[in-house]
Amino acid sequence: GEKGQIVIPKEMREMFGIRPGDTI
């Protein structure tokens, strides 16, 4: 995106247990 942000696809977030507010 314009601010340099990307969205991690849902399937990948689920695979690694990444939830809103997590730090990566």
mmCIF file of all heavy atoms, coordinates in Angstrom:
data_MODEL
# 
_entry.id   MODEL 
# 
loop_
_atom_site.group_PDB 
_atom_site.id 
_atom_site.type_symbol 
_atom_site.label_atom_id 
_atom_site.label_alt_id 
_atom_site.label_comp_id 
_atom_site.label_asym_id 
_atom_site.label_entity_id 
_atom_site.label_seq_id 
_atom_site.pdbx_PDB_ins_code 
_atom_site.Cartn_x 
_atom_site.Cartn_y 
_atom_site.Cartn_z 
_atom_site.occupancy 
_atom_site.B_iso_or_equiv 
_atom_site.pdbx_formal_charge 
_atom_site.auth_seq_id 
_atom_site.auth_comp_id 
_atom_site.auth_asym_id 
_atom_site.auth_atom_id 
_atom_site.pdbx_PDB_model_num 
ATOM 1   N N   . GLY A 1 1  ? 0.817   -1.204  0.000  1.00 0.00 ? 1  GLY A N   1 
ATOM 2   C CA  . GLY A 1 1  ? 0.000   0.000   0.000  1.00 0.00 ? 1  GLY A CA  1 
ATOM 3   C C   . GLY A 1 1  ? 0.854   1.260   0.000  1.00 0.00 ? 1  GLY A C   1 
ATOM 4   O O   . GLY A 1 1  ? 2.085   1.204   0.080  1.00 0.00 ? 1  GLY A O   1 
ATOM 5   N N   . GLU A 1 2  ? 0.207   2.390   -0.077 1.00 0.00 ? 2  GLU A N   1 
ATOM 6   C CA  . GLU A 1 2  ? 0.899   3.679   -0.140 1.00 0.00 ? 2  GLU A CA  1 
ATOM 7   C C   . GLU A 1 2  ? 1.771   3.942   1.084  1.00 0.00 ? 2  GLU A C   1 
ATOM 8   O O   . GLU A 1 2  ? 2.777   4.646   0.992  1.00 0.00 ? 2  GLU A O   1 
ATOM 9   C CB  . GLU A 1 2  ? -0.120  4.814   -0.310 1.00 0.00 ? 2  GLU A CB  1 
ATOM 10  C CG  . GLU A 1 2  ? -0.763  4.826   -1.687 1.00 0.00 ? 2  GLU A CG  1 
ATOM 11  C CD  . GLU A 1 2  ? -1.686  6.013   -1.873 1.00 0.00 ? 2  GLU A CD  1 
ATOM 12  O OE1 . GLU A 1 2  ? -1.464  7.058   -1.224 1.00 0.00 ? 2  GLU A OE1 1 
ATOM 13  O OE2 . GLU A 1 2  ? -2.624  5.890   -2.674 1.00 0.00 ? 2  GLU A OE2 1 
ATOM 14  N N   . LYS A 1 3  ? 1.404   3.390   2.231  1.00 0.00 ? 3  LYS A N   1 
ATOM 15  C CA  . LYS A 1 3  ? 2.182   3.574   3.454  1.00 0.00 ? 3  LYS A CA  1 
ATOM 16  C C   . LYS A 1 3  ? 3.211   2.463   3.650  1.00 0.00 ? 3  LYS A C   1 
ATOM 17  O O   . LYS A 1 3  ? 3.814   2.342   4.713  1.00 0.00 ? 3  LYS A O   1 
ATOM 18  C CB  . LYS A 1 3  ? 1.255   3.627   4.662  1.00 0.00 ? 3  LYS A CB  1 
ATOM 19  C CG  . LYS A 1 3  ? 0.338   4.832   4.663  1.00 0.00 ? 3  LYS A CG  1 
ATOM 20  C CD  . LYS A 1 3  ? -0.524  4.829   5.905  1.00 0.00 ? 3  LYS A CD  1 
ATOM 21  C CE  . LYS A 1 3  ? -1.453  6.016   5.921  1.00 0.00 ? 3  LYS A CE  1 
ATOM 22  N NZ  . LYS A 1 3  ? -2.284  6.041   7.135  1.00 0.00 ? 3  LYS A NZ  1 
ATOM 23  N N   . GLY A 1 4  ? 3.414   1.609   2.639  1.00 0.00 ? 4  GLY A N   1 
ATOM 24  C CA  . GLY A 1 4  ? 4.386   0.521   2.735  1.00 0.00 ? 4  GLY A CA  1 
ATOM 25  C C   . GLY A 1 4  ? 3.857   -0.699  3.468  1.00 0.00 ? 4  GLY A C   1 
ATOM 26  O O   . GLY A 1 4  ? 4.607   -1.599  3.808  1.00 0.00 ? 4  GLY A O   1 
ATOM 27  N N   . GLN A 1 5  ? 2.565   -0.748  3.707  1.00 0.00 ? 5  GLN A N   1 
ATOM 28  C CA  . GLN A 1 5  ? 1.973   -1.856  4.438  1.00 0.00 ? 5  GLN A CA  1 
ATOM 29  C C   . GLN A 1 5  ? 1.577   -2.987  3.493  1.00 0.00 ? 5  GLN A C   1 
ATOM 30  O O   . GLN A 1 5  ? 1.166   -2.743  2.366  1.00 0.00 ? 5  GLN A O   1 
ATOM 31  C CB  . GLN A 1 5  ? 0.737   -1.389  5.200  1.00 0.00 ? 5  GLN A CB  1 
ATOM 32  C CG  . GLN A 1 5  ? 1.050   -0.338  6.251  1.00 0.00 ? 5  GLN A CG  1 
ATOM 33  C CD  . GLN A 1 5  ? -0.200  0.282   6.821  1.00 0.00 ? 5  GLN A CD  1 
ATOM 34  O OE1 . GLN A 1 5  ? -1.180  0.526   6.114  1.00 0.00 ? 5  GLN A OE1 1 
ATOM 35  N NE2 . GLN A 1 5  ? -0.184  0.541   8.121  1.00 0.00 ? 5  GLN A NE2 1 
ATOM 36  N N   . ILE A 1 6  ? 1.700   -4.216  4.003  1.00 0.00 ? 6  ILE A N   1 
ATOM 37  C CA  . ILE A 1 6  ? 1.212   -5.386  3.273  1.00 0.00 ? 6  ILE A CA  1 
ATOM 38  C C   . ILE A 1 6  ? 0.258   -6.145  4.188  1.00 0.00 ? 6  ILE A C   1 
ATOM 39  O O   . ILE A 1 6  ? 0.313   -6.004  5.406  1.00 0.00 ? 6  ILE A O   1 
ATOM 40  C CB  . ILE A 1 6  ? 2.348   -6.330  2.814  1.00 0.00 ? 6  ILE A CB  1 
ATOM 41  C CG1 . ILE A 1 6  ? 3.121   -6.888  4.014  1.00 0.00 ? 6  ILE A CG1 1 
ATOM 42  C CG2 . ILE A 1 6  ? 3.266   -5.651  1.828  1.00 0.00 ? 6  ILE A CG2 1 
ATOM 43  C CD1 . ILE A 1 6  ? 4.037   -8.035  3.671  1.00 0.00 ? 6  ILE A CD1 1 
ATOM 44  N N   . VAL A 1 7  ? -0.608  -6.919  3.596  1.00 0.00 ? 7  VAL A N   1 
ATOM 45  C CA  . VAL A 1 7  ? -1.515  -7.771  4.358  1.00 0.00 ? 7  VAL A CA  1 
ATOM 46  C C   . VAL A 1 7  ? -1.017  -9.203  4.216  1.00 0.00 ? 7  VAL A C   1 
ATOM 47  O O   . VAL A 1 7  ? -0.846  -9.711  3.109  1.00 0.00 ? 7  VAL A O   1 
ATOM 48  C CB  . VAL A 1 7  ? -2.967  -7.651  3.835  1.00 0.00 ? 7  VAL A CB  1 
ATOM 49  C CG1 . VAL A 1 7  ? -3.879  -8.643  4.541  1.00 0.00 ? 7  VAL A CG1 1 
ATOM 50  C CG2 . VAL A 1 7  ? -3.474  -6.233  4.008  1.00 0.00 ? 7  VAL A CG2 1 
ATOM 51  N N   . ILE A 1 8  ? -0.772  -9.848  5.354  1.00 0.00 ? 8  ILE A N   1 
ATOM 52  C CA  . ILE A 1 8  ? -0.382  -11.257 5.336  1.00 0.00 ? 8  ILE A CA  1 
ATOM 53  C C   . ILE A 1 8  ? -1.658  -12.048 5.062  1.00 0.00 ? 8  ILE A C   1 
ATOM 54  O O   . ILE A 1 8  ? -2.659  -11.891 5.780  1.00 0.00 ? 8  ILE A O   1 
ATOM 55  C CB  . ILE A 1 8  ? 0.237   -11.682 6.683  1.00 0.00 ? 8  ILE A CB  1 
ATOM 56  C CG1 . ILE A 1 8  ? 1.488   -10.835 6.978  1.00 0.00 ? 8  ILE A CG1 1 
ATOM 57  C CG2 . ILE A 1 8  ? 0.578   -13.171 6.670  1.00 0.00 ? 8  ILE A CG2 1 
ATOM 58  C CD1 . ILE A 1 8  ? 2.015   -10.994 8.387  1.00 0.00 ? 8  ILE A CD1 1 
ATOM 59  N N   . PRO A 1 9  ? -1.654  -12.894 4.025  1.00 0.00 ? 9  PRO A N   1 
ATOM 60  C CA  . PRO A 1 9  ? -2.871  -13.643 3.688  1.00 0.00 ? 9  PRO A CA  1 
ATOM 61  C C   . PRO A 1 9  ? -3.406  -14.448 4.877  1.00 0.00 ? 9  PRO A C   1 
ATOM 62  O O   . PRO A 1 9  ? -2.641  -14.940 5.716  1.00 0.00 ? 9  PRO A O   1 
ATOM 63  C CB  . PRO A 1 9  ? -2.416  -14.570 2.555  1.00 0.00 ? 9  PRO A CB  1 
ATOM 64  C CG  . PRO A 1 9  ? -1.272  -13.834 1.930  1.00 0.00 ? 9  PRO A CG  1 
ATOM 65  C CD  . PRO A 1 9  ? -0.567  -13.168 3.080  1.00 0.00 ? 9  PRO A CD  1 
ATOM 66  N N   . LYS A 1 10 ? -4.733  -14.559 4.947  1.00 0.00 ? 10 LYS A N   1 
ATOM 67  C CA  . LYS A 1 10 ? -5.419  -15.231 6.052  1.00 0.00 ? 10 LYS A CA  1 
ATOM 68  C C   . LYS A 1 10 ? -4.871  -16.626 6.312  1.00 0.00 ? 10 LYS A C   1 
ATOM 69  O O   . LYS A 1 10 ? -4.632  -17.005 7.458  1.00 0.00 ? 10 LYS A O   1 
ATOM 70  C CB  . LYS A 1 10 ? -6.920  -15.304 5.756  1.00 0.00 ? 10 LYS A CB  1 
ATOM 71  C CG  . LYS A 1 10 ? -7.713  -15.998 6.834  1.00 0.00 ? 10 LYS A CG  1 
ATOM 72  C CD  . LYS A 1 10 ? -9.176  -16.077 6.473  1.00 0.00 ? 10 LYS A CD  1 
ATOM 73  C CE  . LYS A 1 10 ? -9.929  -16.840 7.549  1.00 0.00 ? 10 LYS A CE  1 
ATOM 74  N NZ  . LYS A 1 10 ? -11.316 -17.055 7.173  1.00 0.00 ? 10 LYS A NZ  1 
ATOM 75  N N   . GLU A 1 11 ? -4.673  -17.414 5.254  1.00 0.00 ? 11 GLU A N   1 
ATOM 76  C CA  . GLU A 1 11 ? -4.190  -18.790 5.424  1.00 0.00 ? 11 GLU A CA  1 
ATOM 77  C C   . GLU A 1 11 ? -2.819  -18.810 6.097  1.00 0.00 ? 11 GLU A C   1 
ATOM 78  O O   . GLU A 1 11 ? -2.528  -19.697 6.908  1.00 0.00 ? 11 GLU A O   1 
ATOM 79  C CB  . GLU A 1 11 ? -4.115  -19.506 4.067  1.00 0.00 ? 11 GLU A CB  1 
ATOM 80  C CG  . GLU A 1 11 ? -5.472  -19.742 3.433  1.00 0.00 ? 11 GLU A CG  1 
ATOM 81  C CD  . GLU A 1 11 ? -5.975  -18.573 2.580  1.00 0.00 ? 11 GLU A CD  1 
ATOM 82  O OE1 . GLU A 1 11 ? -5.394  -17.473 2.638  1.00 0.00 ? 11 GLU A OE1 1 
ATOM 83  O OE2 . GLU A 1 11 ? -6.949  -18.755 1.857  1.00 0.00 ? 11 GLU A OE2 1 
ATOM 84  N N   . MET A 1 12 ? -1.976  -17.842 5.784  1.00 0.00 ? 12 MET A N   1 
ATOM 85  C CA  . MET A 1 12 ? -0.646  -17.778 6.393  1.00 0.00 ? 12 MET A CA  1 
ATOM 86  C C   . MET A 1 12 ? -0.741  -17.319 7.847  1.00 0.00 ? 12 MET A C   1 
ATOM 87  O O   . MET A 1 12 ? -0.038  -17.841 8.715  1.00 0.00 ? 12 MET A O   1 
ATOM 88  C CB  . MET A 1 12 ? 0.270   -16.868 5.591  1.00 0.00 ? 12 MET A CB  1 
ATOM 89  C CG  . MET A 1 12 ? 0.622   -17.444 4.249  1.00 0.00 ? 12 MET A CG  1 
ATOM 90  S SD  . MET A 1 12 ? 1.730   -16.362 3.346  1.00 0.00 ? 12 MET A SD  1 
ATOM 91  C CE  . MET A 1 12 ? 1.909   -17.299 1.837  1.00 0.00 ? 12 MET A CE  1 
ATOM 92  N N   . ARG A 1 13 ? -1.617  -16.355 8.120  1.00 0.00 ? 13 ARG A N   1 
ATOM 93  C CA  . ARG A 1 13 ? -1.817  -15.920 9.512  1.00 0.00 ? 13 ARG A CA  1 
ATOM 94  C C   . ARG A 1 13 ? -2.308  -17.089 10.352 1.00 0.00 ? 13 ARG A C   1 
ATOM 95  O O   . ARG A 1 13 ? -1.852  -17.297 11.482 1.00 0.00 ? 13 ARG A O   1 
ATOM 96  C CB  . ARG A 1 13 ? -2.811  -14.762 9.589  1.00 0.00 ? 13 ARG A CB  1 
ATOM 97  C CG  . ARG A 1 13 ? -2.302  -13.476 8.953  1.00 0.00 ? 13 ARG A CG  1 
ATOM 98  C CD  . ARG A 1 13 ? -3.180  -12.274 9.287  1.00 0.00 ? 13 ARG A CD  1 
ATOM 99  N NE  . ARG A 1 13 ? -4.603  -12.483 9.163  1.00 0.00 ? 13 ARG A NE  1 
ATOM 100 C CZ  . ARG A 1 13 ? -5.318  -12.202 8.064  1.00 0.00 ? 13 ARG A CZ  1 
ATOM 101 N NH1 . ARG A 1 13 ? -4.736  -11.709 6.983  1.00 0.00 ? 13 ARG A NH1 1 
ATOM 102 N NH2 . ARG A 1 13 ? -6.616  -12.409 8.047  1.00 0.00 ? 13 ARG A NH2 1 
ATOM 103 N N   . GLU A 1 14 ? -3.238  -17.871 9.804  1.00 0.00 ? 14 GLU A N   1 
ATOM 104 C CA  . GLU A 1 14 ? -3.754  -19.034 10.525 1.00 0.00 ? 14 GLU A CA  1 
ATOM 105 C C   . GLU A 1 14 ? -2.670  -20.086 10.723 1.00 0.00 ? 14 GLU A C   1 
ATOM 106 O O   . GLU A 1 14 ? -2.553  -20.673 11.795 1.00 0.00 ? 14 GLU A O   1 
ATOM 107 C CB  . GLU A 1 14 ? -4.946  -19.631 9.778  1.00 0.00 ? 14 GLU A CB  1 
ATOM 108 C CG  . GLU A 1 14 ? -6.185  -18.754 9.844  1.00 0.00 ? 14 GLU A CG  1 
ATOM 109 C CD  . GLU A 1 14 ? -7.332  -19.259 8.987  1.00 0.00 ? 14 GLU A CD  1 
ATOM 110 O OE1 . GLU A 1 14 ? -7.137  -20.165 8.141  1.00 0.00 ? 14 GLU A OE1 1 
ATOM 111 O OE2 . GLU A 1 14 ? -8.455  -18.722 9.154  1.00 0.00 ? 14 GLU A OE2 1 
ATOM 112 N N   . MET A 1 15 ? -1.867  -20.332 9.690  1.00 0.00 ? 15 MET A N   1 
ATOM 113 C CA  . MET A 1 15 ? -0.814  -21.335 9.757  1.00 0.00 ? 15 MET A CA  1 
ATOM 114 C C   . MET A 1 15 ? 0.165   -21.042 10.902 1.00 0.00 ? 15 MET A C   1 
ATOM 115 O O   . MET A 1 15 ? 0.603   -21.950 11.607 1.00 0.00 ? 15 MET A O   1 
ATOM 116 C CB  . MET A 1 15 ? -0.040  -21.396 8.430  1.00 0.00 ? 15 MET A CB  1 
ATOM 117 C CG  . MET A 1 15 ? 1.116   -22.393 8.427  1.00 0.00 ? 15 MET A CG  1 
ATOM 118 S SD  . MET A 1 15 ? 2.069   -22.340 6.885  1.00 0.00 ? 15 MET A SD  1 
ATOM 119 C CE  . MET A 1 15 ? 1.069   -23.387 5.858  1.00 0.00 ? 15 MET A CE  1 
ATOM 120 N N   . PHE A 1 16 ? 0.464   -19.759 11.109 1.00 0.00 ? 16 PHE A N   1 
ATOM 121 C CA  . PHE A 1 16 ? 1.461   -19.377 12.112 1.00 0.00 ? 16 PHE A CA  1 
ATOM 122 C C   . PHE A 1 16 ? 0.845   -18.766 13.370 1.00 0.00 ? 16 PHE A C   1 
ATOM 123 O O   . PHE A 1 16 ? 1.561   -18.302 14.247 1.00 0.00 ? 16 PHE A O   1 
ATOM 124 C CB  . PHE A 1 16 ? 2.481   -18.419 11.497 1.00 0.00 ? 16 PHE A CB  1 
ATOM 125 C CG  . PHE A 1 16 ? 3.368   -19.097 10.512 1.00 0.00 ? 16 PHE A CG  1 
ATOM 126 C CD1 . PHE A 1 16 ? 3.136   -18.967 9.154  1.00 0.00 ? 16 PHE A CD1 1 
ATOM 127 C CD2 . PHE A 1 16 ? 4.414   -19.898 10.929 1.00 0.00 ? 16 PHE A CD2 1 
ATOM 128 C CE1 . PHE A 1 16 ? 3.933   -19.606 8.226  1.00 0.00 ? 16 PHE A CE1 1 
ATOM 129 C CE2 . PHE A 1 16 ? 5.218   -20.554 10.012 1.00 0.00 ? 16 PHE A CE2 1 
ATOM 130 C CZ  . PHE A 1 16 ? 4.983   -20.409 8.664  1.00 0.00 ? 16 PHE A CZ  1 
ATOM 131 N N   . GLY A 1 17 ? -0.482  -18.772 13.454 1.00 0.00 ? 17 GLY A N   1 
ATOM 132 C CA  . GLY A 1 17 ? -1.138  -18.259 14.651 1.00 0.00 ? 17 GLY A CA  1 
ATOM 133 C C   . GLY A 1 17 ? -0.927  -16.770 14.865 1.00 0.00 ? 17 GLY A C   1 
ATOM 134 O O   . GLY A 1 17 ? -0.863  -16.301 15.996 1.00 0.00 ? 17 GLY A O   1 
ATOM 135 N N   . ILE A 1 18 ? -0.832  -16.005 13.775 1.00 0.00 ? 18 ILE A N   1 
ATOM 136 C CA  . ILE A 1 18 ? -0.646  -14.555 13.868 1.00 0.00 ? 18 ILE A CA  1 
ATOM 137 C C   . ILE A 1 18 ? -2.005  -13.907 14.045 1.00 0.00 ? 18 ILE A C   1 
ATOM 138 O O   . ILE A 1 18 ? -2.906  -14.106 13.239 1.00 0.00 ? 18 ILE A O   1 
ATOM 139 C CB  . ILE A 1 18 ? 0.066   -14.009 12.610 1.00 0.00 ? 18 ILE A CB  1 
ATOM 140 C CG1 . ILE A 1 18 ? 1.445   -14.644 12.466 1.00 0.00 ? 18 ILE A CG1 1 
ATOM 141 C CG2 . ILE A 1 18 ? 0.165   -12.493 12.665 1.00 0.00 ? 18 ILE A CG2 1 
ATOM 142 C CD1 . ILE A 1 18 ? 2.128   -14.337 11.137 1.00 0.00 ? 18 ILE A CD1 1 
ATOM 143 N N   . ARG A 1 19 ? -2.129  -13.133 15.124 1.00 0.00 ? 19 ARG A N   1 
ATOM 144 C CA  . ARG A 1 19 ? -3.403  -12.494 15.451 1.00 0.00 ? 19 ARG A CA  1 
ATOM 145 C C   . ARG A 1 19 ? -3.230  -10.976 15.500 1.00 0.00 ? 19 ARG A C   1 
ATOM 146 O O   . ARG A 1 19 ? -2.130  -10.480 15.700 1.00 0.00 ? 19 ARG A O   1 
ATOM 147 C CB  . ARG A 1 19 ? -3.892  -12.995 16.798 1.00 0.00 ? 19 ARG A CB  1 
ATOM 148 C CG  . ARG A 1 19 ? -4.017  -14.508 16.856 1.00 0.00 ? 19 ARG A CG  1 
ATOM 149 C CD  . ARG A 1 19 ? -4.967  -14.923 17.953 1.00 0.00 ? 19 ARG A CD  1 
ATOM 150 N NE  . ARG A 1 19 ? -5.039  -16.366 18.113 1.00 0.00 ? 19 ARG A NE  1 
ATOM 151 C CZ  . ARG A 1 19 ? -5.660  -17.194 17.292 1.00 0.00 ? 19 ARG A CZ  1 
ATOM 152 N NH1 . ARG A 1 19 ? -6.255  -16.736 16.232 1.00 0.00 ? 19 ARG A NH1 1 
ATOM 153 N NH2 . ARG A 1 19 ? -5.685  -18.494 17.513 1.00 0.00 ? 19 ARG A NH2 1 
ATOM 154 N N   . PRO A 1 20 ? -4.337  -10.226 15.345 1.00 0.00 ? 20 PRO A N   1 
ATOM 155 C CA  . PRO A 1 20 ? -4.252  -8.773  15.441 1.00 0.00 ? 20 PRO A CA  1 
ATOM 156 C C   . PRO A 1 20 ? -3.570  -8.355  16.746 1.00 0.00 ? 20 PRO A C   1 
ATOM 157 O O   . PRO A 1 20 ? -3.842  -8.923  17.804 1.00 0.00 ? 20 PRO A O   1 
ATOM 158 C CB  . PRO A 1 20 ? -5.713  -8.313  15.411 1.00 0.00 ? 20 PRO A CB  1 
ATOM 159 C CG  . PRO A 1 20 ? -6.415  -9.394  14.663 1.00 0.00 ? 20 PRO A CG  1 
ATOM 160 C CD  . PRO A 1 20 ? -5.711  -10.670 15.072 1.00 0.00 ? 20 PRO A CD  1 
ATOM 161 N N   . GLY A 1 21 ? -2.667  -7.402  16.656 1.00 0.00 ? 21 GLY A N   1 
ATOM 162 C CA  . GLY A 1 21 ? -1.940  -6.919  17.827 1.00 0.00 ? 21 GLY A CA  1 
ATOM 163 C C   . GLY A 1 21 ? -0.636  -7.645  18.087 1.00 0.00 ? 21 GLY A C   1 
ATOM 164 O O   . GLY A 1 21 ? 0.167   -7.198  18.900 1.00 0.00 ? 21 GLY A O   1 
ATOM 165 N N   . ASP A 1 22 ? -0.412  -8.804  17.430 1.00 0.00 ? 22 ASP A N   1 
ATOM 166 C CA  . ASP A 1 22 ? 0.855   -9.520  17.596 1.00 0.00 ? 22 ASP A CA  1 
ATOM 167 C C   . ASP A 1 22 ? 2.006   -8.691  17.037 1.00 0.00 ? 22 ASP A C   1 
ATOM 168 O O   . ASP A 1 22 ? 1.829   -7.913  16.098 1.00 0.00 ? 22 ASP A O   1 
ATOM 169 C CB  . ASP A 1 22 ? 0.839   -10.867 16.852 1.00 0.00 ? 22 ASP A CB  1 
ATOM 170 C CG  . ASP A 1 22 ? 0.036   -11.934 17.566 1.00 0.00 ? 22 ASP A CG  1 
ATOM 171 O OD1 . ASP A 1 22 ? -0.410  -11.683 18.704 1.00 0.00 ? 22 ASP A OD1 1 
ATOM 172 O OD2 . ASP A 1 22 ? -0.145  -13.017 16.975 1.00 0.00 ? 22 ASP A OD2 1 
ATOM 173 N N   . THR A 1 23 ? 3.166   -8.875  17.619 1.00 0.00 ? 23 THR A N   1 
ATOM 174 C CA  . THR A 1 23 ? 4.377   -8.252  17.095 1.00 0.00 ? 23 THR A CA  1 
ATOM 175 C C   . THR A 1 23 ? 5.131   -9.317  16.320 1.00 0.00 ? 23 THR A C   1 
ATOM 176 O O   . THR A 1 23 ? 5.299   -10.442 16.800 1.00 0.00 ? 23 THR A O   1 
ATOM 177 C CB  . THR A 1 23 ? 5.254   -7.726  18.257 1.00 0.00 ? 23 THR A CB  1 
ATOM 178 O OG1 . THR A 1 23 ? 4.517   -6.730  18.949 1.00 0.00 ? 23 THR A OG1 1 
ATOM 179 C CG2 . THR A 1 23 ? 6.543   -7.129  17.737 1.00 0.00 ? 23 THR A CG2 1 
ATOM 180 N N   . ILE A 1 24 ? 5.563   -8.970  15.125 1.00 0.00 ? 24 ILE A N   1 
ATOM 181 C CA  . ILE A 1 24 ? 6.351   -9.907  14.323 1.00 0.00 ? 24 ILE A CA  1 
ATOM 182 C C   . ILE A 1 24 ? 7.707   -9.260  14.024 1.00 0.00 ? 24 ILE A C   1 
ATOM 183 O O   . ILE A 1 24 ? 7.855   -8.049  14.126 1.00 0.00 ? 24 ILE A O   1 
ATOM 184 C CB  . ILE A 1 24 ? 5.644   -10.295 13.005 1.00 0.00 ? 24 ILE A CB  1 
ATOM 185 C CG1 . ILE A 1 24 ? 5.371   -9.063  12.142 1.00 0.00 ? 24 ILE A CG1 1 
ATOM 186 C CG2 . ILE A 1 24 ? 4.346   -11.038 13.293 1.00 0.00 ? 24 ILE A CG2 1 
ATOM 187 C CD1 . ILE A 1 24 ? 4.849   -9.391  10.759 1.00 0.00 ? 24 ILE A CD1 1 
# 
